[in-house]
Amino acid sequence: MKYRATYEIASQSIRSEDANVEIGKEGLRLGDIFIDFADLDTLKPINHRVMLTLLDGTGIEISMLGFSYDGFWEELTGCFGERTLQALFVQEETIMKCEGEYSYYPEDHPEKEAGRGQVILVSDAVIILPQSSNAVRVPLFYAESVTIDGYQIMIKMKDGRGYQIGKFGYDTKPFFERCETAFKKTTAKRQKLLDGFTSEKPFTYKGLFRTIQETEFWGAAFGDGKAAIELYTKDDSATYLYSFDDKDRFVQSLEKAMEAVGSHREIIFLSEEELSKKPLYRMAVHRSGAVRFLRSCSAGRLIHSKDHAKKLDEFLNM
């Protein structure tokens, strides 16, 4: 929708009054300037002004919206949230959607993300959508426990990380009960699927992408500070190679990264130049520290060919 407003980008000495401001599915247009949601870090409403901060630190102020202010803010946060869900590749069935509080530390981020926003329960994960670039998809398979204390729900992960959500009013207890059920069902289903997958040596460590992708999984082979990842899918024709210092950290990141990318596996090997041309993928990478870590460990790809086994052995044992 189009609005009339004043916008200012002080760091660039840009100010325009009574200008066209338009919200779209992929970003915000201020006159002739397009702000892709992939470049947006935070959104804040302050005294009938909307303050935006980009990932590069650039600040943008939108004001003089008049009676359109509430509608503008609702549409802006709604479109940003929808685009974020796309970047998190949420394809699972929505079980419950609530407005409430959240508190957690984003991956590789020193400051706590806390506030009020939308929290969504899908069949195998909890989605938290803050008004920032720190949205998160919490996979229930990697949770250790889901508990409730009063109006607060705590999801404790196997790696020690915790996510606190709650104060959904009368929906708090139903949300917890359904989340607990989803946690138990997801854990049992995924373990059964994993037990049914057979991977070929040396890919003896295996995992799933998403719970709904019941026939696709990955296998990992390890050497000294090295790993080779084979994707057991319909169309993959390469083995992905990695080098690392800490195996435990690599394995944890590998599991979380594969869960994060789902069926969009090309994200794990796209070059930075290729990634820069795909805003949705940039959003996805920014929202997953595990994906960023996995990409940083990349040591190339090994195309399937007649000497594949020999080259793989050389890489793992060199």
C-alpha atoms as a PDB file:
ATOM      1  CA  MET A   1       0.000   0.000   0.000  1.00  0.00           C
ATOM      2  CA  LYS A   2       1.139   3.578  -0.671  1.00  0.00           C
ATOM      3  CA  TYR A   3       1.391   6.287   1.994  1.00  0.00           C
ATOM      4  CA  ARG A   4       2.419   9.948   2.158  1.00  0.00           C
ATOM      5  CA  ALA A   5       5.116  10.666   4.718  1.00  0.00           C
ATOM      6  CA  THR A   6       8.433  12.346   5.467  1.00  0.00           C
ATOM      7  CA  TYR A   7      11.560  10.211   5.454  1.00  0.00           C
ATOM      8  CA  GLU A   8      15.084  11.086   6.477  1.00  0.00           C
ATOM      9  CA  ILE A   9      18.415   9.278   6.137  1.00  0.00           C
ATOM     10  CA  ALA A  10      20.633  11.615   8.150  1.00  0.00           C
ATOM     11  CA  SER A  11      23.938   9.823   7.434  1.00  0.00           C
ATOM     12  CA  GLN A  12      23.391  10.426   3.712  1.00  0.00           C
ATOM     13  CA  SER A  13      21.935  13.939   4.091  1.00  0.00           C
ATOM     14  CA  ILE A  14      18.674  12.738   2.531  1.00  0.00           C
ATOM     15  CA  ARG A  15      15.318  14.183   3.572  1.00  0.00           C
ATOM     16  CA  SER A  16      12.056  14.229   1.644  1.00  0.00           C
ATOM     17  CA  GLU A  17       8.727  15.638   2.830  1.00  0.00           C
ATOM     18  CA  ASP A  18       5.249  14.579   1.721  1.00  0.00           C
ATOM     19  CA  ALA A  19       6.857  11.765  -0.253  1.00  0.00           C
ATOM     20  CA  ASN A  20       5.516   8.479  -1.563  1.00  0.00           C
ATOM     21  CA  VAL A  21       6.238   5.585   0.780  1.00  0.00           C
ATOM     22  CA  GLU A  22       5.186   2.133  -0.378  1.00  0.00           C
ATOM     23  CA  ILE A  23       5.302  -1.213   1.425  1.00  0.00           C
ATOM     24  CA  GLY A  24       5.752  -4.329  -0.685  1.00  0.00           C
ATOM     25  CA  LYS A  25       6.216  -8.042  -0.109  1.00  0.00           C
ATOM     26  CA  GLU A  26      10.007  -7.838  -0.398  1.00  0.00           C
ATOM     27  CA  GLY A  27      10.756  -4.410   0.997  1.00  0.00           C
ATOM     28  CA  LEU A  28       9.970  -0.748   1.459  1.00  0.00           C
ATOM     29  CA  ARG A  29      10.189   1.987  -1.174  1.00  0.00           C
ATOM     30  CA  LEU A  30      10.939   5.551  -0.052  1.00  0.00           C
ATOM     31  CA  GLY A  31      10.506   7.691  -3.135  1.00  0.00           C
ATOM     32  CA  ASP A  32      13.144   6.309  -5.524  1.00  0.00           C
ATOM     33  CA  ILE A  33      14.983   4.416  -2.756  1.00  0.00           C
ATOM     34  CA  PHE A  34      14.243   0.713  -2.250  1.00  0.00           C
ATOM     35  CA  ILE A  35      15.015  -0.894   1.116  1.00  0.00           C
ATOM     36  CA  ASP A  36      15.051  -4.678   0.818  1.00  0.00           C
ATOM     37  CA  PHE A  37      13.847  -6.480   3.939  1.00  0.00           C
ATOM     38  CA  ALA A  38      17.068  -8.524   3.681  1.00  0.00           C
ATOM     39  CA  ASP A  39      19.001  -5.359   4.625  1.00  0.00           C
ATOM     40  CA  LEU A  40      16.754  -4.389   7.541  1.00  0.00           C
ATOM     41  CA  ASP A  41      17.989  -4.972  11.088  1.00  0.00           C
ATOM     42  CA  THR A  42      15.457  -3.343  13.447  1.00  0.00           C
ATOM     43  CA  LEU A  43      12.050  -1.632  13.329  1.00  0.00           C
ATOM     44  CA  LYS A  44      10.938   0.590  16.217  1.00  0.00           C
ATOM     45  CA  PRO A  45       7.849   2.806  16.734  1.00  0.00           C
ATOM     46  CA  ILE A  46       8.789   5.974  18.644  1.00  0.00           C
ATOM     47  CA  ASN A  47       6.364   8.883  19.195  1.00  0.00           C
ATOM     48  CA  HIS A  48       4.448   8.352  15.952  1.00  0.00           C
ATOM     49  CA  ARG A  49       7.668   7.921  14.035  1.00  0.00           C
ATOM     50  CA  VAL A  50       9.052   4.692  12.611  1.00  0.00           C
ATOM     51  CA  MET A  51      12.770   4.239  13.170  1.00  0.00           C
ATOM     52  CA  LEU A  52      14.550   1.710  10.950  1.00  0.00           C
ATOM     53  CA  THR A  53      18.125   0.511  11.251  1.00  0.00           C
ATOM     54  CA  LEU A  54      19.827  -1.335   8.415  1.00  0.00           C
ATOM     55  CA  LEU A  55      22.389  -4.094   8.896  1.00  0.00           C
ATOM     56  CA  ASP A  56      25.154  -1.669   7.901  1.00  0.00           C
ATOM     57  CA  GLY A  57      24.094   0.713  10.700  1.00  0.00           C
ATOM     58  CA  THR A  58      22.268   3.236   8.509  1.00  0.00           C
ATOM     59  CA  GLY A  59      19.347   4.866  10.323  1.00  0.00           C
ATOM     60  CA  ILE A  60      16.089   5.849   8.620  1.00  0.00           C
ATOM     61  CA  GLU A  61      13.284   7.904  10.165  1.00  0.00           C
ATOM     62  CA  ILE A  62       9.747   7.905   8.740  1.00  0.00           C
ATOM     63  CA  SER A  63       7.355  10.501  10.166  1.00  0.00           C
ATOM     64  CA  MET A  64       4.328  12.707   9.434  1.00  0.00           C
ATOM     65  CA  LEU A  65       2.110   9.727   8.625  1.00  0.00           C
ATOM     66  CA  GLY A  66      -0.864  11.330  10.343  1.00  0.00           C
ATOM     67  CA  PHE A  67      -3.876   9.078  10.831  1.00  0.00           C
ATOM     68  CA  SER A  68      -2.181   6.441   8.641  1.00  0.00           C
ATOM     69  CA  TYR A  69       0.463   5.739  11.275  1.00  0.00           C
ATOM     70  CA  ASP A  70      -1.146   2.685  12.898  1.00  0.00           C
ATOM     71  CA  GLY A  71      -2.033   1.120   9.555  1.00  0.00           C
ATOM     72  CA  PHE A  72       1.466   1.783   8.224  1.00  0.00           C
ATOM     73  CA  TRP A  73       3.133   0.159  11.228  1.00  0.00           C
ATOM     74  CA  GLU A  74       0.826  -2.860  11.123  1.00  0.00           C
ATOM     75  CA  GLU A  75       1.401  -3.393   7.400  1.00  0.00           C
ATOM     76  CA  LEU A  76       5.164  -2.867   7.642  1.00  0.00           C
ATOM     77  CA  THR A  77       5.666  -5.345  10.493  1.00  0.00           C
ATOM     78  CA  GLY A  78       3.241  -7.785   8.869  1.00  0.00           C
ATOM     79  CA  CYS A  79       5.068  -7.793   5.525  1.00  0.00           C
ATOM     80  CA  PHE A  80       8.452  -7.988   7.242  1.00  0.00           C
ATOM     81  CA  GLY A  81       7.203 -10.947   9.293  1.00  0.00           C
ATOM     82  CA  GLU A  82       5.853 -12.764   6.228  1.00  0.00           C
ATOM     83  CA  ARG A  83       9.135 -12.271   4.380  1.00  0.00           C
ATOM     84  CA  THR A  84      10.998 -13.532   7.438  1.00  0.00           C
ATOM     85  CA  LEU A  85       8.877 -16.700   7.502  1.00  0.00           C
ATOM     86  CA  GLN A  86       9.872 -17.252   3.881  1.00  0.00           C
ATOM     87  CA  ALA A  87      13.540 -16.785   4.814  1.00  0.00           C
ATOM     88  CA  LEU A  88      13.158 -19.355   7.600  1.00  0.00           C
ATOM     89  CA  PHE A  89      11.630 -21.696   4.991  1.00  0.00           C
ATOM     90  CA  VAL A  90       8.597 -22.437   7.146  1.00  0.00           C
ATOM     91  CA  GLN A  91       6.587 -25.024   5.219  1.00  0.00           C
ATOM     92  CA  GLU A  92       5.141 -27.032   8.069  1.00  0.00           C
ATOM     93  CA  GLU A  93       1.527 -26.955   9.243  1.00  0.00           C
ATOM     94  CA  THR A  94       0.702 -24.105  11.635  1.00  0.00           C
ATOM     95  CA  ILE A  95      -0.760 -25.440  14.869  1.00  0.00           C
ATOM     96  CA  MET A  96      -1.092 -22.213  16.872  1.00  0.00           C
ATOM     97  CA  LYS A  97      -0.201 -18.543  16.512  1.00  0.00           C
ATOM     98  CA  CYS A  98       0.003 -16.142  19.461  1.00  0.00           C
ATOM     99  CA  GLU A  99       1.110 -12.640  20.402  1.00  0.00           C
ATOM    100  CA  GLY A 100       3.282 -12.628  23.497  1.00  0.00           C
ATOM    101  CA  GLU A 101       6.657 -12.183  25.133  1.00  0.00           C
ATOM    102  CA  TYR A 102       9.963 -13.762  24.151  1.00  0.00           C
ATOM    103  CA  SER A 103      13.490 -13.745  25.524  1.00  0.00           C
ATOM    104  CA  TYR A 104      16.577 -15.467  24.096  1.00  0.00           C
ATOM    105  CA  TYR A 105      20.131 -14.928  22.930  1.00  0.00           C
ATOM    106  CA  PRO A 106      20.446 -15.137  19.130  1.00  0.00           C
ATOM    107  CA  GLU A 107      23.318 -17.267  17.842  1.00  0.00           C
ATOM    108  CA  ASP A 108      26.638 -15.384  17.715  1.00  0.00           C
ATOM    109  CA  HIS A 109      24.962 -12.337  19.273  1.00  0.00           C
ATOM    110  CA  PRO A 110      26.049 -10.897  22.656  1.00  0.00           C
ATOM    111  CA  GLU A 111      22.795  -9.078  23.432  1.00  0.00           C
ATOM    112  CA  LYS A 112      19.519 -10.668  24.491  1.00  0.00           C
ATOM    113  CA  GLU A 113      16.542 -10.390  22.139  1.00  0.00           C
ATOM    114  CA  ALA A 114      13.504  -9.645  24.298  1.00  0.00           C
ATOM    115  CA  GLY A 115      10.119  -8.040  23.771  1.00  0.00           C
ATOM    116  CA  ARG A 116       6.651  -8.773  22.456  1.00  0.00           C
ATOM    117  CA  GLY A 117       5.857 -10.239  19.077  1.00  0.00           C
ATOM    118  CA  GLN A 118       4.387 -13.138  17.191  1.00  0.00           C
ATOM    119  CA  VAL A 119       5.178 -16.690  18.292  1.00  0.00           C
ATOM    120  CA  ILE A 120       4.097 -19.529  16.018  1.00  0.00           C
ATOM    121  CA  LEU A 121       3.937 -23.248  16.740  1.00  0.00           C
ATOM    122  CA  VAL A 122       4.264 -25.477  13.681  1.00  0.00           C
ATOM    123  CA  SER A 123       4.335 -29.264  13.604  1.00  0.00           C
ATOM    124  CA  ASP A 124       8.035 -29.601  14.507  1.00  0.00           C
ATOM    125  CA  ALA A 125       9.269 -26.150  15.557  1.00  0.00           C
ATOM    126  CA  VAL A 126       8.527 -22.885  17.326  1.00  0.00           C
ATOM    127  CA  ILE A 127       8.979 -19.679  15.330  1.00  0.00           C
ATOM    128  CA  ILE A 128       9.748 -16.407  17.140  1.00  0.00           C
ATOM    129  CA  LEU A 129       9.300 -13.230  15.102  1.00  0.00           C
ATOM    130  CA  PRO A 130      10.771 -10.148  16.808  1.00  0.00           C
ATOM    131  CA  GLN A 131      10.714  -6.762  15.077  1.00  0.00           C
ATOM    132  CA  SER A 132      14.318  -7.284  14.086  1.00  0.00           C
ATOM    133  CA  SER A 133      16.581  -9.496  11.992  1.00  0.00           C
ATOM    134  CA  ASN A 134      16.982 -11.961  14.877  1.00  0.00           C
ATOM    135  CA  ALA A 135      13.965 -14.147  14.130  1.00  0.00           C
ATOM    136  CA  VAL A 136      14.494 -17.804  14.915  1.00  0.00           C
ATOM    137  CA  ARG A 137      13.060 -21.200  14.049  1.00  0.00           C
ATOM    138  CA  VAL A 138      13.495 -23.425  17.121  1.00  0.00           C
ATOM    139  CA  PRO A 139      13.554 -27.097  15.986  1.00  0.00           C
ATOM    140  CA  LEU A 140      11.855 -29.259  18.607  1.00  0.00           C
ATOM    141  CA  PHE A 141      13.894 -32.342  17.698  1.00  0.00           C
ATOM    142  CA  TYR A 142      16.978 -30.645  19.142  1.00  0.00           C
ATOM    143  CA  ALA A 143      15.166 -29.623  22.336  1.00  0.00           C
ATOM    144  CA  GLU A 144      15.945 -31.332  25.623  1.00  0.00           C
ATOM    145  CA  SER A 145      12.775 -30.230  27.405  1.00  0.00           C
ATOM    146  CA  VAL A 146       9.681 -28.040  27.154  1.00  0.00           C
ATOM    147  CA  THR A 147       8.404 -26.768  30.515  1.00  0.00           C
ATOM    148  CA  ILE A 148       5.977 -24.180  31.882  1.00  0.00           C
ATOM    149  CA  ASP A 149       6.146 -21.982  34.981  1.00  0.00           C
ATOM    150  CA  GLY A 150       3.104 -19.783  35.432  1.00  0.00           C
ATOM    151  CA  TYR A 151       2.683 -17.871  32.181  1.00  0.00           C
ATOM    152  CA  GLN A 152       6.204 -18.546  30.901  1.00  0.00           C
ATOM    153  CA  ILE A 153       7.219 -21.454  28.661  1.00  0.00           C
ATOM    154  CA  MET A 154      10.868 -22.513  28.496  1.00  0.00           C
ATOM    155  CA  ILE A 155      12.360 -24.515  25.632  1.00  0.00           C
ATOM    156  CA  LYS A 156      15.762 -25.845  26.653  1.00  0.00           C
ATOM    157  CA  MET A 157      17.949 -27.108  23.819  1.00  0.00           C
ATOM    158  CA  LYS A 158      20.426 -29.994  23.929  1.00  0.00           C
ATOM    159  CA  ASP A 159      23.299 -27.552  23.366  1.00  0.00           C
ATOM    160  CA  GLY A 160      22.333 -25.582  26.494  1.00  0.00           C
ATOM    161  CA  ARG A 161      20.646 -22.703  24.679  1.00  0.00           C
ATOM    162  CA  GLY A 162      17.247 -21.610  25.997  1.00  0.00           C
ATOM    163  CA  TYR A 163      14.192 -19.848  24.576  1.00  0.00           C
ATOM    164  CA  GLN A 164      11.604 -18.298  26.888  1.00  0.00           C
ATOM    165  CA  ILE A 165       8.180 -17.445  25.490  1.00  0.00           C
ATOM    166  CA  GLY A 166       4.789 -16.822  27.042  1.00  0.00           C
ATOM    167  CA  LYS A 167       2.230 -14.421  28.465  1.00  0.00           C
ATOM    168  CA  PHE A 168      -0.200 -15.383  25.717  1.00  0.00           C
ATOM    169  CA  GLY A 169      -3.161 -14.794  28.025  1.00  0.00           C
ATOM    170  CA  TYR A 170      -5.644 -17.664  28.039  1.00  0.00           C
ATOM    171  CA  ASP A 171      -3.702 -19.246  25.166  1.00  0.00           C
ATOM    172  CA  THR A 172      -0.573 -19.842  27.262  1.00  0.00           C
ATOM    173  CA  LYS A 173      -1.528 -23.258  28.638  1.00  0.00           C
ATOM    174  CA  PRO A 174      -3.012 -24.552  25.334  1.00  0.00           C
ATOM    175  CA  PHE A 175       0.137 -23.386  23.524  1.00  0.00           C
ATOM    176  CA  PHE A 176       2.330 -25.227  26.021  1.00  0.00           C
ATOM    177  CA  GLU A 177       0.269 -28.421  25.829  1.00  0.00           C
ATOM    178  CA  ARG A 178       0.382 -28.470  22.038  1.00  0.00           C
ATOM    179  CA  CYS A 179       4.076 -27.576  22.009  1.00  0.00           C
ATOM    180  CA  GLU A 180       4.850 -30.407  24.424  1.00  0.00           C
ATOM    181  CA  THR A 181       2.861 -32.825  22.257  1.00  0.00           C
ATOM    182  CA  ALA A 182       4.639 -31.647  19.097  1.00  0.00           C
ATOM    183  CA  PHE A 183       8.001 -32.035  20.863  1.00  0.00           C
ATOM    184  CA  LYS A 184       7.276 -35.650  21.816  1.00  0.00           C
ATOM    185  CA  LYS A 185       5.816 -36.574  18.413  1.00  0.00           C
ATOM    186  CA  THR A 186       8.669 -34.942  16.494  1.00  0.00           C
ATOM    187  CA  THR A 187      11.340 -36.638  18.592  1.00  0.00           C
ATOM    188  CA  ALA A 188       9.766 -40.080  18.181  1.00  0.00           C
ATOM    189  CA  LYS A 189       9.059 -39.676  14.463  1.00  0.00           C
ATOM    190  CA  ARG A 190      12.500 -38.370  13.546  1.00  0.00           C
ATOM    191  CA  GLN A 191      14.281 -41.050  15.530  1.00  0.00           C
ATOM    192  CA  LYS A 192      12.218 -43.713  13.768  1.00  0.00           C
ATOM    193  CA  LEU A 193      13.034 -42.165  10.376  1.00  0.00           C
ATOM    194  CA  LEU A 194      16.740 -41.983  11.193  1.00  0.00           C
ATOM    195  CA  ASP A 195      16.777 -45.614  12.318  1.00  0.00           C
ATOM    196  CA  GLY A 196      15.253 -46.571   8.972  1.00  0.00           C
ATOM    197  CA  PHE A 197      17.870 -44.799   6.843  1.00  0.00           C
ATOM    198  CA  THR A 198      20.879 -46.763   5.629  1.00  0.00           C
ATOM    199  CA  SER A 199      23.965 -44.786   4.671  1.00  0.00           C
ATOM    200  CA  GLU A 200      27.014 -46.188   2.917  1.00  0.00           C
ATOM    201  CA  LYS A 201      30.463 -46.182   4.467  1.00  0.00           C
ATOM    202  CA  PRO A 202      32.254 -43.957   5.272  1.00  0.00           C
ATOM    203  CA  PHE A 203      29.127 -41.791   5.797  1.00  0.00           C
ATOM    204  CA  THR A 204      28.173 -43.390   9.097  1.00  0.00           C
ATOM    205  CA  TYR A 205      26.870 -40.271  10.908  1.00  0.00           C
ATOM    206  CA  LYS A 206      23.429 -39.333   9.600  1.00  0.00           C
ATOM    207  CA  GLY A 207      20.720 -36.746  10.048  1.00  0.00           C
ATOM    208  CA  LEU A 208      17.513 -35.288   8.605  1.00  0.00           C
ATOM    209  CA  PHE A 209      16.847 -31.971   6.924  1.00  0.00           C
ATOM    210  CA  ARG A 210      13.235 -31.426   8.012  1.00  0.00           C
ATOM    211  CA  THR A 211      10.731 -33.782   9.595  1.00  0.00           C
ATOM    212  CA  ILE A 212       8.327 -33.415   6.662  1.00  0.00           C
ATOM    213  CA  GLN A 213      11.053 -34.526   4.222  1.00  0.00           C
ATOM    214  CA  GLU A 214      10.669 -38.159   5.157  1.00  0.00           C
ATOM    215  CA  THR A 215      12.760 -39.694   2.358  1.00  0.00           C
ATOM    216  CA  GLU A 216      15.738 -37.325   2.314  1.00  0.00           C
ATOM    217  CA  PHE A 217      18.650 -37.306   4.724  1.00  0.00           C
ATOM    218  CA  TRP A 218      22.376 -36.603   4.900  1.00  0.00           C
ATOM    219  CA  GLY A 219      25.390 -38.603   5.999  1.00  0.00           C
ATOM    220  CA  ALA A 220      28.769 -37.450   7.281  1.00  0.00           C
ATOM    221  CA  ALA A 221      32.224 -39.024   7.188  1.00  0.00           C
ATOM    222  CA  PHE A 222      35.001 -37.680   9.400  1.00  0.00           C
ATOM    223  CA  GLY A 223      38.764 -37.460   9.244  1.00  0.00           C
ATOM    224  CA  ASP A 224      41.187 -35.502  11.416  1.00  0.00           C
ATOM    225  CA  GLY A 225      39.731 -31.984  11.345  1.00  0.00           C
ATOM    226  CA  LYS A 226      37.836 -32.802   8.169  1.00  0.00           C
ATOM    227  CA  ALA A 227      34.355 -33.897   7.162  1.00  0.00           C
ATOM    228  CA  ALA A 228      32.617 -34.995   3.987  1.00  0.00           C
ATOM    229  CA  ILE A 229      28.850 -34.608   3.731  1.00  0.00           C
ATOM    230  CA  GLU A 230      26.771 -36.712   1.371  1.00  0.00           C
ATOM    231  CA  LEU A 231      23.206 -35.604   0.635  1.00  0.00           C
ATOM    232  CA  TYR A 232      20.831 -38.510   0.066  1.00  0.00           C
ATOM    233  CA  THR A 233      18.308 -36.685  -2.095  1.00  0.00           C
ATOM    234  CA  LYS A 234      16.924 -37.022  -5.606  1.00  0.00           C
ATOM    235  CA  ASP A 235      19.138 -34.530  -7.389  1.00  0.00           C
ATOM    236  CA  ASP A 236      22.457 -34.097  -5.566  1.00  0.00           C
ATOM    237  CA  SER A 237      25.568 -35.174  -7.451  1.00  0.00           C
ATOM    238  CA  ALA A 238      28.375 -34.007  -5.198  1.00  0.00           C
ATOM    239  CA  THR A 239      29.975 -34.561  -1.809  1.00  0.00           C
ATOM    240  CA  TYR A 240      30.562 -31.423   0.275  1.00  0.00           C
ATOM    241  CA  LEU A 241      33.932 -31.070   1.997  1.00  0.00           C
ATOM    242  CA  TYR A 242      34.726 -29.207   5.221  1.00  0.00           C
ATOM    243  CA  SER A 243      37.683 -28.417   7.472  1.00  0.00           C
ATOM    244  CA  PHE A 244      37.328 -27.473  11.142  1.00  0.00           C
ATOM    245  CA  ASP A 245      39.148 -27.227  14.484  1.00  0.00           C
ATOM    246  CA  ASP A 246      36.415 -28.309  16.913  1.00  0.00           C
ATOM    247  CA  LYS A 247      34.519 -31.465  15.916  1.00  0.00           C
ATOM    248  CA  ASP A 248      31.787 -31.121  18.551  1.00  0.00           C
ATOM    249  CA  ARG A 249      31.009 -27.584  17.435  1.00  0.00           C
ATOM    250  CA  PHE A 250      31.060 -28.646  13.791  1.00  0.00           C
ATOM    251  CA  VAL A 251      28.621 -31.535  14.360  1.00  0.00           C
ATOM    252  CA  GLN A 252      26.206 -29.335  16.330  1.00  0.00           C
ATOM    253  CA  SER A 253      26.360 -26.641  13.657  1.00  0.00           C
ATOM    254  CA  LEU A 254      25.970 -29.206  10.875  1.00  0.00           C
ATOM    255  CA  GLU A 255      22.766 -30.599  12.383  1.00  0.00           C
ATOM    256  CA  LYS A 256      21.269 -27.154  12.992  1.00  0.00           C
ATOM    257  CA  ALA A 257      22.325 -25.836   9.583  1.00  0.00           C
ATOM    258  CA  MET A 258      20.773 -28.747   7.690  1.00  0.00           C
ATOM    259  CA  GLU A 259      17.558 -28.239   9.662  1.00  0.00           C
ATOM    260  CA  ALA A 260      17.648 -24.505   8.888  1.00  0.00           C
ATOM    261  CA  VAL A 261      18.097 -24.772   5.112  1.00  0.00           C
ATOM    262  CA  GLY A 262      15.569 -27.569   4.619  1.00  0.00           C
ATOM    263  CA  SER A 263      15.168 -28.238   0.915  1.00  0.00           C
ATOM    264  CA  HIS A 264      17.215 -25.153  -0.033  1.00  0.00           C
ATOM    265  CA  ARG A 265      20.536 -26.952   0.240  1.00  0.00           C
ATOM    266  CA  GLU A 266      22.301 -24.746  -2.293  1.00  0.00           C
ATOM    267  CA  ILE A 267      22.666 -22.159   0.476  1.00  0.00           C
ATOM    268  CA  ILE A 268      25.443 -24.185   2.068  1.00  0.00           C
ATOM    269  CA  PHE A 269      27.758 -23.903  -0.959  1.00  0.00           C
ATOM    270  CA  LEU A 270      26.765 -20.695  -2.817  1.00  0.00           C
ATOM    271  CA  SER A 271      29.639 -18.224  -3.121  1.00  0.00           C
ATOM    272  CA  GLU A 272      29.326 -14.844  -1.392  1.00  0.00           C
ATOM    273  CA  GLU A 273      28.903 -13.217  -4.796  1.00  0.00           C
ATOM    274  CA  GLU A 274      26.057 -15.571  -5.722  1.00  0.00           C
ATOM    275  CA  LEU A 275      24.498 -15.161  -2.286  1.00  0.00           C
ATOM    276  CA  SER A 276      24.509 -11.356  -2.590  1.00  0.00           C
ATOM    277  CA  LYS A 277      22.179 -11.668  -5.589  1.00  0.00           C
ATOM    278  CA  LYS A 278      19.564 -13.652  -3.635  1.00  0.00           C
ATOM    279  CA  PRO A 279      17.976 -11.458  -0.914  1.00  0.00           C
ATOM    280  CA  LEU A 280      15.886 -14.269   0.575  1.00  0.00           C
ATOM    281  CA  TYR A 281      18.936 -16.477   0.962  1.00  0.00           C
ATOM    282  CA  ARG A 282      20.861 -13.589   2.530  1.00  0.00           C
ATOM    283  CA  MET A 283      18.069 -13.279   5.077  1.00  0.00           C
ATOM    284  CA  ALA A 284      18.264 -17.020   5.756  1.00  0.00           C
ATOM    285  CA  VAL A 285      22.034 -16.980   6.290  1.00  0.00           C
ATOM    286  CA  HIS A 286      21.837 -13.934   8.566  1.00  0.00           C
ATOM    287  CA  ARG A 287      19.266 -15.682  10.765  1.00  0.00           C
ATOM    288  CA  SER A 288      21.300 -18.858  11.297  1.00  0.00           C
ATOM    289  CA  GLY A 289      24.687 -18.788  12.983  1.00  0.00           C
ATOM    290  CA  ALA A 290      24.996 -22.507  12.234  1.00  0.00           C
ATOM    291  CA  VAL A 291      24.646 -21.918   8.485  1.00  0.00           C
ATOM    292  CA  ARG A 292      27.234 -19.127   8.630  1.00  0.00           C
ATOM    293  CA  PHE A 293      29.638 -21.389  10.525  1.00  0.00           C
ATOM    294  CA  LEU A 294      29.141 -24.285   8.105  1.00  0.00           C
ATOM    295  CA  ARG A 295      29.791 -21.986   5.146  1.00  0.00           C
ATOM    296  CA  SER A 296      32.968 -20.707   6.811  1.00  0.00           C
ATOM    297  CA  CYS A 297      34.282 -24.289   7.083  1.00  0.00           C
ATOM    298  CA  SER A 298      33.732 -25.114   3.402  1.00  0.00           C
ATOM    299  CA  ALA A 299      36.635 -26.825   1.630  1.00  0.00           C
ATOM    300  CA  GLY A 300      34.914 -27.311  -1.721  1.00  0.00           C
ATOM    301  CA  ARG A 301      32.889 -30.004  -3.445  1.00  0.00           C
ATOM    302  CA  LEU A 302      33.767 -33.412  -4.809  1.00  0.00           C
ATOM    303  CA  ILE A 303      31.733 -34.256  -7.909  1.00  0.00           C
ATOM    304  CA  HIS A 304      30.579 -37.866  -8.203  1.00  0.00           C
ATOM    305  CA  SER A 305      32.816 -39.631 -10.737  1.00  0.00           C
ATOM    306  CA  LYS A 306      34.686 -42.920 -11.170  1.00  0.00           C
ATOM    307  CA  ASP A 307      37.559 -41.784  -8.915  1.00  0.00           C
ATOM    308  CA  HIS A 308      35.237 -40.293  -6.272  1.00  0.00           C
ATOM    309  CA  ALA A 309      36.092 -42.896  -3.596  1.00  0.00           C
ATOM    310  CA  LYS A 310      39.833 -42.402  -4.063  1.00  0.00           C
ATOM    311  CA  LYS A 311      39.651 -38.606  -3.861  1.00  0.00           C
ATOM    312  CA  LEU A 312      37.352 -38.784  -0.840  1.00  0.00           C
ATOM    313  CA  ASP A 313      39.763 -41.082   1.000  1.00  0.00           C
ATOM    314  CA  GLU A 314      42.666 -38.786   0.157  1.00  0.00           C
ATOM    315  CA  PHE A 315      40.809 -35.760   1.516  1.00  0.00           C
ATOM    316  CA  LEU A 316      39.772 -37.413   4.781  1.00  0.00           C
ATOM    317  CA  ASN A 317      43.178 -38.966   5.467  1.00  0.00           C
ATOM    318  CA  MET A 318      45.637 -36.429   4.087  1.00  0.00           C
END
